[in-house]
Amino acid sequence: MRAVPARALLALGLWLLASGARASERVVALGPHLTELVCAAGGCEQLVGVIAYSDFPPAVRRLPVVGDASQVNLEVLLSLRPSLVLAWDGGTSPTTIARLRRLGLRVEPVRVESLEEVAAALERIGAWTGHATEAVAAAGKYRQRLQRLRQRYADALPLRVFYQIETAPPYTVNSASPISQAITLCGGINIFAGLPTLAAPVSNEAVLAARPEVVIHGERDGNEVRAYWARFPQAPVQTQGRIYAVDADLLTRAGPRLIDGAEQLCAALDLAREALQ
């Protein structure tokens, strides 16, 4: 009988390990973006529990909900018999993570603080769930799209951007937010990049004094934002109509759809540049 090459045996062994992981892992994701990352990495069928507001892809809406961002129902979570709990590093309470570990659960915190880190998170989750091949492919596509945007807008006309969250008072984000990083990627300048916290309220006076050239918001119908700016009829963004909506879920969830949100934001800034010509 012809001997099987060692490389082929190694490949077969890795495939069997991955197949075993796919069959056995039961995953709970403690963040809507973590749910999206698991599915994008190829492990959607392994999810047995999610957190409130996990709604993409649509199939995950049928899964048991184990709590929300502030509190996890341990009884519900334990009843799902997870073999892997993905925690939101920076969002899930450290106390909750420690308690789950004391109960013998494997907890892996996942931190995504930049556009680039989405791809790395995909690869880690793929390795943990036995979907390394699918995850590496998904990460590669994400990086390609990110690089295309970076190249396309490297020399774009800079625009002063106000990303508006709420209206009474308006909230916005500083430079540490992936939203701000997307603004920079698209050739924009976050006028409140220097805020001391990730998200914070700002006064009407501060907004007007910062002289935004573009307003980006995530309100679905835009009524509240339009009403807000109608109070300042002399503001250039109001008189010239440079107020644009993007899908807030895409930009506020640190998952693979961040790149979709970045593309929407870039398209909005292109419209603003056209209006300024």
C-alpha atoms as a PDB file:
ATOM      1  CA  MET A   1       0.000   0.000   0.000  1.00  0.00           C
ATOM      2  CA  ARG A   2       1.288   3.430  -0.887  1.00  0.00           C
ATOM      3  CA  ALA A   3       2.331   5.510   2.137  1.00  0.00           C
ATOM      4  CA  VAL A   4       0.280   8.627   2.875  1.00  0.00           C
ATOM      5  CA  PRO A   5       2.459  11.769   2.961  1.00  0.00           C
ATOM      6  CA  ALA A   6       2.920  13.339   6.389  1.00  0.00           C
ATOM      7  CA  ARG A   7       1.550  16.675   5.115  1.00  0.00           C
ATOM      8  CA  ALA A   8      -1.665  14.971   4.030  1.00  0.00           C
ATOM      9  CA  LEU A   9      -2.014  13.270   7.416  1.00  0.00           C
ATOM     10  CA  LEU A  10      -1.517  16.625   9.169  1.00  0.00           C
ATOM     11  CA  ALA A  11      -4.141  18.267   6.955  1.00  0.00           C
ATOM     12  CA  LEU A  12      -6.559  15.423   7.656  1.00  0.00           C
ATOM     13  CA  GLY A  13      -5.954  15.741  11.387  1.00  0.00           C
ATOM     14  CA  LEU A  14      -6.633  19.470  11.343  1.00  0.00           C
ATOM     15  CA  TRP A  15      -9.795  18.931   9.329  1.00  0.00           C
ATOM     16  CA  LEU A  16     -11.035  16.335  11.815  1.00  0.00           C
ATOM     17  CA  LEU A  17     -10.306  18.664  14.735  1.00  0.00           C
ATOM     18  CA  ALA A  18     -12.179  21.468  13.043  1.00  0.00           C
ATOM     19  CA  SER A  19     -15.090  19.163  12.245  1.00  0.00           C
ATOM     20  CA  GLY A  20     -15.223  18.041  15.863  1.00  0.00           C
ATOM     21  CA  ALA A  21     -15.295  21.640  17.041  1.00  0.00           C
ATOM     22  CA  ARG A  22     -18.126  22.449  14.649  1.00  0.00           C
ATOM     23  CA  ALA A  23     -20.135  19.528  15.941  1.00  0.00           C
ATOM     24  CA  SER A  24     -19.557  20.101  19.643  1.00  0.00           C
ATOM     25  CA  GLU A  25     -19.192  23.816  20.351  1.00  0.00           C
ATOM     26  CA  ARG A  26     -22.241  25.501  21.867  1.00  0.00           C
ATOM     27  CA  VAL A  27     -21.713  29.251  21.781  1.00  0.00           C
ATOM     28  CA  VAL A  28     -23.335  32.100  23.675  1.00  0.00           C
ATOM     29  CA  ALA A  29     -22.510  35.611  22.453  1.00  0.00           C
ATOM     30  CA  LEU A  30     -22.809  38.459  24.954  1.00  0.00           C
ATOM     31  CA  GLY A  31     -23.078  41.267  22.418  1.00  0.00           C
ATOM     32  CA  PRO A  32     -24.998  41.873  19.195  1.00  0.00           C
ATOM     33  CA  HIS A  33     -21.733  42.487  17.341  1.00  0.00           C
ATOM     34  CA  LEU A  34     -20.320  39.224  18.714  1.00  0.00           C
ATOM     35  CA  THR A  35     -23.323  37.389  17.298  1.00  0.00           C
ATOM     36  CA  GLU A  36     -22.604  38.933  13.910  1.00  0.00           C
ATOM     37  CA  LEU A  37     -18.925  38.028  14.163  1.00  0.00           C
ATOM     38  CA  VAL A  38     -19.722  34.376  14.954  1.00  0.00           C
ATOM     39  CA  CYS A  39     -22.031  34.111  11.958  1.00  0.00           C
ATOM     40  CA  ALA A  40     -19.610  35.885   9.617  1.00  0.00           C
ATOM     41  CA  ALA A  41     -16.897  33.494  10.765  1.00  0.00           C
ATOM     42  CA  GLY A  42     -19.048  30.501   9.800  1.00  0.00           C
ATOM     43  CA  GLY A  43     -20.372  29.459  13.212  1.00  0.00           C
ATOM     44  CA  CYS A  44     -23.983  30.663  13.151  1.00  0.00           C
ATOM     45  CA  GLU A  45     -25.360  27.156  13.641  1.00  0.00           C
ATOM     46  CA  GLN A  46     -23.337  26.795  16.836  1.00  0.00           C
ATOM     47  CA  LEU A  47     -25.016  29.749  18.545  1.00  0.00           C
ATOM     48  CA  VAL A  48     -27.372  28.634  21.308  1.00  0.00           C
ATOM     49  CA  GLY A  49     -27.899  31.977  23.061  1.00  0.00           C
ATOM     50  CA  VAL A  50     -27.535  35.687  22.419  1.00  0.00           C
ATOM     51  CA  ILE A  51     -28.019  39.004  24.163  1.00  0.00           C
ATOM     52  CA  ALA A  52     -30.812  41.555  23.698  1.00  0.00           C
ATOM     53  CA  TYR A  53     -30.876  43.439  20.373  1.00  0.00           C
ATOM     54  CA  SER A  54     -29.071  40.645  18.549  1.00  0.00           C
ATOM     55  CA  ASP A  55     -31.018  40.739  15.308  1.00  0.00           C
ATOM     56  CA  PHE A  56     -28.572  40.043  12.483  1.00  0.00           C
ATOM     57  CA  PRO A  57     -28.539  37.818  10.608  1.00  0.00           C
ATOM     58  CA  PRO A  58     -32.335  37.385  10.956  1.00  0.00           C
ATOM     59  CA  ALA A  59     -32.036  33.717  11.956  1.00  0.00           C
ATOM     60  CA  VAL A  60     -30.553  34.653  15.353  1.00  0.00           C
ATOM     61  CA  ARG A  61     -33.778  36.368  16.386  1.00  0.00           C
ATOM     62  CA  ARG A  62     -35.175  32.933  17.220  1.00  0.00           C
ATOM     63  CA  LEU A  63     -32.428  32.163  19.733  1.00  0.00           C
ATOM     64  CA  PRO A  64     -32.874  32.382  23.525  1.00  0.00           C
ATOM     65  CA  VAL A  65     -31.902  35.762  25.004  1.00  0.00           C
ATOM     66  CA  VAL A  66     -29.688  35.527  28.087  1.00  0.00           C
ATOM     67  CA  GLY A  67     -29.852  39.168  29.183  1.00  0.00           C
ATOM     68  CA  ASP A  68     -28.788  42.596  28.053  1.00  0.00           C
ATOM     69  CA  ALA A  69     -25.661  44.754  28.115  1.00  0.00           C
ATOM     70  CA  SER A  70     -26.008  45.480  31.833  1.00  0.00           C
ATOM     71  CA  GLN A  71     -27.101  42.128  33.224  1.00  0.00           C
ATOM     72  CA  VAL A  72     -26.862  38.454  32.266  1.00  0.00           C
ATOM     73  CA  ASN A  73     -29.417  35.907  33.466  1.00  0.00           C
ATOM     74  CA  LEU A  74     -27.123  33.144  34.684  1.00  0.00           C
ATOM     75  CA  GLU A  75     -29.928  30.625  35.079  1.00  0.00           C
ATOM     76  CA  VAL A  76     -30.963  30.976  31.443  1.00  0.00           C
ATOM     77  CA  LEU A  77     -27.362  30.977  30.231  1.00  0.00           C
ATOM     78  CA  LEU A  78     -26.441  27.840  32.178  1.00  0.00           C
ATOM     79  CA  SER A  79     -29.551  26.038  30.941  1.00  0.00           C
ATOM     80  CA  LEU A  80     -28.175  26.351  27.400  1.00  0.00           C
ATOM     81  CA  ARG A  81     -25.065  24.314  28.365  1.00  0.00           C
ATOM     82  CA  PRO A  82     -22.581  26.464  26.423  1.00  0.00           C
ATOM     83  CA  SER A  83     -19.057  25.232  25.855  1.00  0.00           C
ATOM     84  CA  LEU A  84     -17.891  28.722  24.836  1.00  0.00           C
ATOM     85  CA  VAL A  85     -19.099  32.133  25.999  1.00  0.00           C
ATOM     86  CA  LEU A  86     -17.924  35.131  24.010  1.00  0.00           C
ATOM     87  CA  ALA A  87     -17.789  38.214  26.214  1.00  0.00           C
ATOM     88  CA  TRP A  88     -17.708  41.809  25.061  1.00  0.00           C
ATOM     89  CA  ASP A  89     -14.352  43.087  26.309  1.00  0.00           C
ATOM     90  CA  GLY A  90     -15.179  46.598  27.406  1.00  0.00           C
ATOM     91  CA  GLY A  91     -18.923  45.983  27.603  1.00  0.00           C
ATOM     92  CA  THR A  92     -19.585  42.781  29.561  1.00  0.00           C
ATOM     93  CA  SER A  93     -19.120  43.364  33.277  1.00  0.00           C
ATOM     94  CA  PRO A  94     -15.808  41.955  34.597  1.00  0.00           C
ATOM     95  CA  THR A  95     -17.822  40.648  37.539  1.00  0.00           C
ATOM     96  CA  THR A  96     -20.007  38.640  35.161  1.00  0.00           C
ATOM     97  CA  ILE A  97     -16.974  37.258  33.334  1.00  0.00           C
ATOM     98  CA  ALA A  98     -15.337  36.220  36.622  1.00  0.00           C
ATOM     99  CA  ARG A  99     -18.520  34.571  37.871  1.00  0.00           C
ATOM    100  CA  LEU A 100     -19.004  32.590  34.665  1.00  0.00           C
ATOM    101  CA  ARG A 101     -15.427  31.362  34.892  1.00  0.00           C
ATOM    102  CA  ARG A 102     -15.899  30.320  38.519  1.00  0.00           C
ATOM    103  CA  LEU A 103     -18.845  28.235  37.322  1.00  0.00           C
ATOM    104  CA  GLY A 104     -16.445  26.377  35.035  1.00  0.00           C
ATOM    105  CA  LEU A 105     -17.407  27.992  31.745  1.00  0.00           C
ATOM    106  CA  ARG A 106     -14.890  28.874  29.075  1.00  0.00           C
ATOM    107  CA  VAL A 107     -15.169  32.633  28.553  1.00  0.00           C
ATOM    108  CA  GLU A 108     -13.245  34.392  25.795  1.00  0.00           C
ATOM    109  CA  PRO A 109     -13.371  38.212  25.854  1.00  0.00           C
ATOM    110  CA  VAL A 110     -13.316  39.829  22.417  1.00  0.00           C
ATOM    111  CA  ARG A 111     -12.207  43.458  22.059  1.00  0.00           C
ATOM    112  CA  VAL A 112     -12.746  45.424  18.862  1.00  0.00           C
ATOM    113  CA  GLU A 113     -11.620  49.039  19.150  1.00  0.00           C
ATOM    114  CA  SER A 114     -10.737  49.823  15.568  1.00  0.00           C
ATOM    115  CA  LEU A 115     -11.847  49.093  12.030  1.00  0.00           C
ATOM    116  CA  GLU A 116      -8.796  46.882  11.532  1.00  0.00           C
ATOM    117  CA  GLU A 117      -9.497  44.752  14.603  1.00  0.00           C
ATOM    118  CA  VAL A 118     -12.729  43.401  13.129  1.00  0.00           C
ATOM    119  CA  ALA A 119     -10.750  41.122  10.819  1.00  0.00           C
ATOM    120  CA  ALA A 120      -8.572  39.827  13.662  1.00  0.00           C
ATOM    121  CA  ALA A 121     -11.683  39.125  15.754  1.00  0.00           C
ATOM    122  CA  LEU A 122     -13.161  37.106  12.890  1.00  0.00           C
ATOM    123  CA  GLU A 123     -10.016  34.986  12.720  1.00  0.00           C
ATOM    124  CA  ARG A 124      -9.906  34.370  16.484  1.00  0.00           C
ATOM    125  CA  ILE A 125     -13.551  33.372  16.659  1.00  0.00           C
ATOM    126  CA  GLY A 126     -13.113  31.136  13.629  1.00  0.00           C
ATOM    127  CA  ALA A 127     -10.236  29.350  15.330  1.00  0.00           C
ATOM    128  CA  TRP A 128     -12.205  28.895  18.564  1.00  0.00           C
ATOM    129  CA  THR A 129     -15.254  27.484  16.795  1.00  0.00           C
ATOM    130  CA  GLY A 130     -13.493  25.271  14.255  1.00  0.00           C
ATOM    131  CA  HIS A 131     -14.159  27.483  11.243  1.00  0.00           C
ATOM    132  CA  ALA A 132     -10.673  28.797  10.630  1.00  0.00           C
ATOM    133  CA  THR A 133     -10.863  28.500   6.842  1.00  0.00           C
ATOM    134  CA  GLU A 134     -14.169  30.356   6.539  1.00  0.00           C
ATOM    135  CA  ALA A 135     -13.089  32.996   9.039  1.00  0.00           C
ATOM    136  CA  VAL A 136      -9.775  33.693   7.322  1.00  0.00           C
ATOM    137  CA  ALA A 137     -11.610  34.107   4.020  1.00  0.00           C
ATOM    138  CA  ALA A 138     -14.140  36.498   5.581  1.00  0.00           C
ATOM    139  CA  ALA A 139     -11.360  38.479   7.255  1.00  0.00           C
ATOM    140  CA  GLY A 140      -9.494  38.713   3.966  1.00  0.00           C
ATOM    141  CA  LYS A 141     -12.525  40.126   2.154  1.00  0.00           C
ATOM    142  CA  TYR A 142     -13.081  42.623   4.953  1.00  0.00           C
ATOM    143  CA  ARG A 143      -9.468  43.808   4.780  1.00  0.00           C
ATOM    144  CA  GLN A 144      -9.679  44.185   0.997  1.00  0.00           C
ATOM    145  CA  ARG A 145     -12.759  46.391   1.251  1.00  0.00           C
ATOM    146  CA  LEU A 146     -11.145  48.460   3.991  1.00  0.00           C
ATOM    147  CA  GLN A 147      -8.004  48.936   1.927  1.00  0.00           C
ATOM    148  CA  ARG A 148     -10.021  49.979  -1.131  1.00  0.00           C
ATOM    149  CA  LEU A 149     -11.742  52.699   0.881  1.00  0.00           C
ATOM    150  CA  ARG A 150      -8.451  53.832   2.363  1.00  0.00           C
ATOM    151  CA  GLN A 151      -6.908  54.176  -1.087  1.00  0.00           C
ATOM    152  CA  ARG A 152      -9.967  55.826  -2.639  1.00  0.00           C
ATOM    153  CA  TYR A 153     -10.255  58.562  -0.010  1.00  0.00           C
ATOM    154  CA  ALA A 154      -6.577  59.127   0.750  1.00  0.00           C
ATOM    155  CA  ASP A 155      -6.621  62.472  -1.077  1.00  0.00           C
ATOM    156  CA  ALA A 156     -10.275  63.413  -0.632  1.00  0.00           C
ATOM    157  CA  LEU A 157     -11.240  66.974   0.243  1.00  0.00           C
ATOM    158  CA  PRO A 158     -11.295  67.138   4.071  1.00  0.00           C
ATOM    159  CA  LEU A 159     -14.690  67.964   5.562  1.00  0.00           C
ATOM    160  CA  ARG A 160     -15.573  68.936   9.136  1.00  0.00           C
ATOM    161  CA  VAL A 161     -18.046  66.278  10.300  1.00  0.00           C
ATOM    162  CA  PHE A 162     -20.459  66.246  13.220  1.00  0.00           C
ATOM    163  CA  TYR A 163     -21.747  62.748  13.986  1.00  0.00           C
ATOM    164  CA  GLN A 164     -24.983  63.455  15.827  1.00  0.00           C
ATOM    165  CA  ILE A 165     -26.518  61.043  18.335  1.00  0.00           C
ATOM    166  CA  GLU A 166     -29.765  62.315  19.859  1.00  0.00           C
ATOM    167  CA  THR A 167     -30.824  65.947  19.907  1.00  0.00           C
ATOM    168  CA  ALA A 168     -31.717  66.980  23.456  1.00  0.00           C
ATOM    169  CA  PRO A 169     -28.892  67.289  24.148  1.00  0.00           C
ATOM    170  CA  PRO A 170     -26.923  66.138  21.112  1.00  0.00           C
ATOM    171  CA  TYR A 171     -24.396  63.388  21.791  1.00  0.00           C
ATOM    172  CA  THR A 172     -21.368  62.529  19.721  1.00  0.00           C
ATOM    173  CA  VAL A 173     -18.178  60.429  19.800  1.00  0.00           C
ATOM    174  CA  ASN A 174     -14.468  61.042  20.210  1.00  0.00           C
ATOM    175  CA  SER A 175     -11.535  59.754  18.174  1.00  0.00           C
ATOM    176  CA  ALA A 176     -11.483  56.355  19.921  1.00  0.00           C
ATOM    177  CA  SER A 177     -14.812  55.341  18.415  1.00  0.00           C
ATOM    178  CA  PRO A 178     -14.871  53.213  15.247  1.00  0.00           C
ATOM    179  CA  ILE A 179     -17.397  55.780  13.992  1.00  0.00           C
ATOM    180  CA  SER A 180     -14.746  58.483  14.220  1.00  0.00           C
ATOM    181  CA  GLN A 181     -12.248  56.177  12.543  1.00  0.00           C
ATOM    182  CA  ALA A 182     -14.720  55.674   9.697  1.00  0.00           C
ATOM    183  CA  ILE A 183     -15.053  59.459   9.364  1.00  0.00           C
ATOM    184  CA  THR A 184     -11.277  59.740   9.068  1.00  0.00           C
ATOM    185  CA  LEU A 185     -11.171  56.850   6.595  1.00  0.00           C
ATOM    186  CA  CYS A 186     -13.627  58.726   4.353  1.00  0.00           C
ATOM    187  CA  GLY A 187     -11.584  61.906   4.404  1.00  0.00           C
ATOM    188  CA  GLY A 188     -13.562  63.621   7.151  1.00  0.00           C
ATOM    189  CA  ILE A 189     -12.510  65.398  10.334  1.00  0.00           C
ATOM    190  CA  ASN A 190     -14.434  64.584  13.504  1.00  0.00           C
ATOM    191  CA  ILE A 191     -15.015  68.012  15.031  1.00  0.00           C
ATOM    192  CA  PHE A 192     -15.313  66.488  18.508  1.00  0.00           C
ATOM    193  CA  ALA A 193     -12.437  64.010  18.267  1.00  0.00           C
ATOM    194  CA  GLY A 194     -10.897  65.474  21.416  1.00  0.00           C
ATOM    195  CA  LEU A 195     -13.766  64.713  23.788  1.00  0.00           C
ATOM    196  CA  PRO A 196     -12.527  63.104  27.040  1.00  0.00           C
ATOM    197  CA  THR A 197     -14.896  60.115  26.820  1.00  0.00           C
ATOM    198  CA  LEU A 198     -15.923  57.780  24.020  1.00  0.00           C
ATOM    199  CA  ALA A 199     -19.394  59.332  23.812  1.00  0.00           C
ATOM    200  CA  ALA A 200     -20.586  62.505  25.494  1.00  0.00           C
ATOM    201  CA  PRO A 201     -23.198  65.262  25.289  1.00  0.00           C
ATOM    202  CA  VAL A 202     -22.209  68.566  23.703  1.00  0.00           C
ATOM    203  CA  SER A 203     -23.920  71.929  23.935  1.00  0.00           C
ATOM    204  CA  ASN A 204     -25.659  73.633  21.048  1.00  0.00           C
ATOM    205  CA  GLU A 205     -23.167  76.455  21.362  1.00  0.00           C
ATOM    206  CA  ALA A 206     -20.245  74.053  21.040  1.00  0.00           C
ATOM    207  CA  VAL A 207     -21.778  72.439  17.957  1.00  0.00           C
ATOM    208  CA  LEU A 208     -22.281  75.750  16.177  1.00  0.00           C
ATOM    209  CA  ALA A 209     -18.866  77.058  17.218  1.00  0.00           C
ATOM    210  CA  ALA A 210     -17.210  73.966  15.726  1.00  0.00           C
ATOM    211  CA  ARG A 211     -18.601  74.936  12.289  1.00  0.00           C
ATOM    212  CA  PRO A 212     -19.524  71.491  10.922  1.00  0.00           C
ATOM    213  CA  GLU A 213     -19.633  71.212   7.151  1.00  0.00           C
ATOM    214  CA  VAL A 214     -21.525  67.911   7.279  1.00  0.00           C
ATOM    215  CA  VAL A 215     -23.898  66.331   9.782  1.00  0.00           C
ATOM    216  CA  ILE A 216     -24.191  62.538   9.853  1.00  0.00           C
ATOM    217  CA  HIS A 217     -26.856  60.860  11.968  1.00  0.00           C
ATOM    218  CA  GLY A 218     -28.379  57.426  12.430  1.00  0.00           C
ATOM    219  CA  GLU A 219     -32.020  58.375  12.968  1.00  0.00           C
ATOM    220  CA  ARG A 220     -34.274  56.236  10.768  1.00  0.00           C
ATOM    221  CA  ASP A 221     -36.758  58.925   9.716  1.00  0.00           C
ATOM    222  CA  GLY A 222     -34.547  61.922  10.454  1.00  0.00           C
ATOM    223  CA  ASN A 223     -37.415  63.995  11.862  1.00  0.00           C
ATOM    224  CA  GLU A 224     -35.779  64.880  15.172  1.00  0.00           C
ATOM    225  CA  VAL A 225     -32.475  65.819  13.578  1.00  0.00           C
ATOM    226  CA  ARG A 226     -34.190  67.965  10.959  1.00  0.00           C
ATOM    227  CA  ALA A 227     -36.209  69.691  13.682  1.00  0.00           C
ATOM    228  CA  TYR A 228     -33.030  70.306  15.659  1.00  0.00           C
ATOM    229  CA  TRP A 229     -31.242  72.018  12.780  1.00  0.00           C
ATOM    230  CA  ALA A 230     -34.334  73.990  11.795  1.00  0.00           C
ATOM    231  CA  ARG A 231     -33.706  75.957  14.993  1.00  0.00           C
ATOM    232  CA  PHE A 232     -30.469  77.242  13.446  1.00  0.00           C
ATOM    233  CA  PRO A 233     -31.549  78.504  10.002  1.00  0.00           C
ATOM    234  CA  GLN A 234     -28.259  80.341   9.388  1.00  0.00           C
ATOM    235  CA  ALA A 235     -26.072  77.269   9.910  1.00  0.00           C
ATOM    236  CA  PRO A 236     -24.441  76.274   6.590  1.00  0.00           C
ATOM    237  CA  VAL A 237     -25.356  72.594   7.007  1.00  0.00           C
ATOM    238  CA  GLN A 238     -28.998  73.666   7.308  1.00  0.00           C
ATOM    239  CA  THR A 239     -29.090  76.230   4.516  1.00  0.00           C
ATOM    240  CA  GLN A 240     -27.248  73.915   2.109  1.00  0.00           C
ATOM    241  CA  GLY A 241     -28.898  70.668   3.198  1.00  0.00           C
ATOM    242  CA  ARG A 242     -25.709  68.841   4.133  1.00  0.00           C
ATOM    243  CA  ILE A 243     -27.377  66.551   6.697  1.00  0.00           C
ATOM    244  CA  TYR A 244     -27.261  62.845   5.876  1.00  0.00           C
ATOM    245  CA  ALA A 245     -28.488  59.623   7.457  1.00  0.00           C
ATOM    246  CA  VAL A 246     -26.620  56.329   7.700  1.00  0.00           C
ATOM    247  CA  ASP A 247     -27.682  53.008   9.220  1.00  0.00           C
ATOM    248  CA  ALA A 248     -26.710  53.409  12.879  1.00  0.00           C
ATOM    249  CA  ASP A 249     -26.546  49.646  13.480  1.00  0.00           C
ATOM    250  CA  LEU A 250     -23.789  49.344  10.897  1.00  0.00           C
ATOM    251  CA  LEU A 251     -21.568  51.983  12.477  1.00  0.00           C
ATOM    252  CA  THR A 252     -22.277  51.415  16.154  1.00  0.00           C
ATOM    253  CA  ARG A 253     -21.748  47.639  16.216  1.00  0.00           C
ATOM    254  CA  ALA A 254     -18.104  46.641  16.136  1.00  0.00           C
ATOM    255  CA  GLY A 255     -18.663  43.756  13.762  1.00  0.00           C
ATOM    256  CA  PRO A 256     -18.113  42.888  10.112  1.00  0.00           C
ATOM    257  CA  ARG A 257     -20.876  45.212   8.909  1.00  0.00           C
ATOM    258  CA  LEU A 258     -18.805  48.176  10.084  1.00  0.00           C
ATOM    259  CA  ILE A 259     -17.341  48.244   6.592  1.00  0.00           C
ATOM    260  CA  ASP A 260     -20.869  48.575   5.141  1.00  0.00           C
ATOM    261  CA  GLY A 261     -21.454  51.530   7.438  1.00  0.00           C
ATOM    262  CA  ALA A 262     -18.142  53.072   6.426  1.00  0.00           C
ATOM    263  CA  GLU A 263     -19.131  52.792   2.780  1.00  0.00           C
ATOM    264  CA  GLN A 264     -22.446  54.536   3.525  1.00  0.00           C
ATOM    265  CA  LEU A 265     -20.635  57.289   5.406  1.00  0.00           C
ATOM    266  CA  CYS A 266     -18.136  57.766   2.569  1.00  0.00           C
ATOM    267  CA  ALA A 267     -21.004  58.043   0.085  1.00  0.00           C
ATOM    268  CA  ALA A 268     -22.641  60.727   2.258  1.00  0.00           C
ATOM    269  CA  LEU A 269     -19.428  62.741   2.376  1.00  0.00           C
ATOM    270  CA  ASP A 270     -19.177  62.449  -1.417  1.00  0.00           C
ATOM    271  CA  LEU A 271     -22.631  64.035  -1.664  1.00  0.00           C
ATOM    272  CA  ALA A 272     -21.512  66.822   0.640  1.00  0.00           C
ATOM    273  CA  ARG A 273     -18.418  67.452  -1.469  1.00  0.00           C
ATOM    274  CA  GLU A 274     -20.601  67.710  -4.559  1.00  0.00           C
ATOM    275  CA  ALA A 275     -22.870  70.205  -2.773  1.00  0.00           C
ATOM    276  CA  LEU A 276     -19.861  72.338  -1.845  1.00  0.00           C
ATOM    277  CA  GLN A 277     -18.542  72.582  -5.403  1.00  0.00           C
END
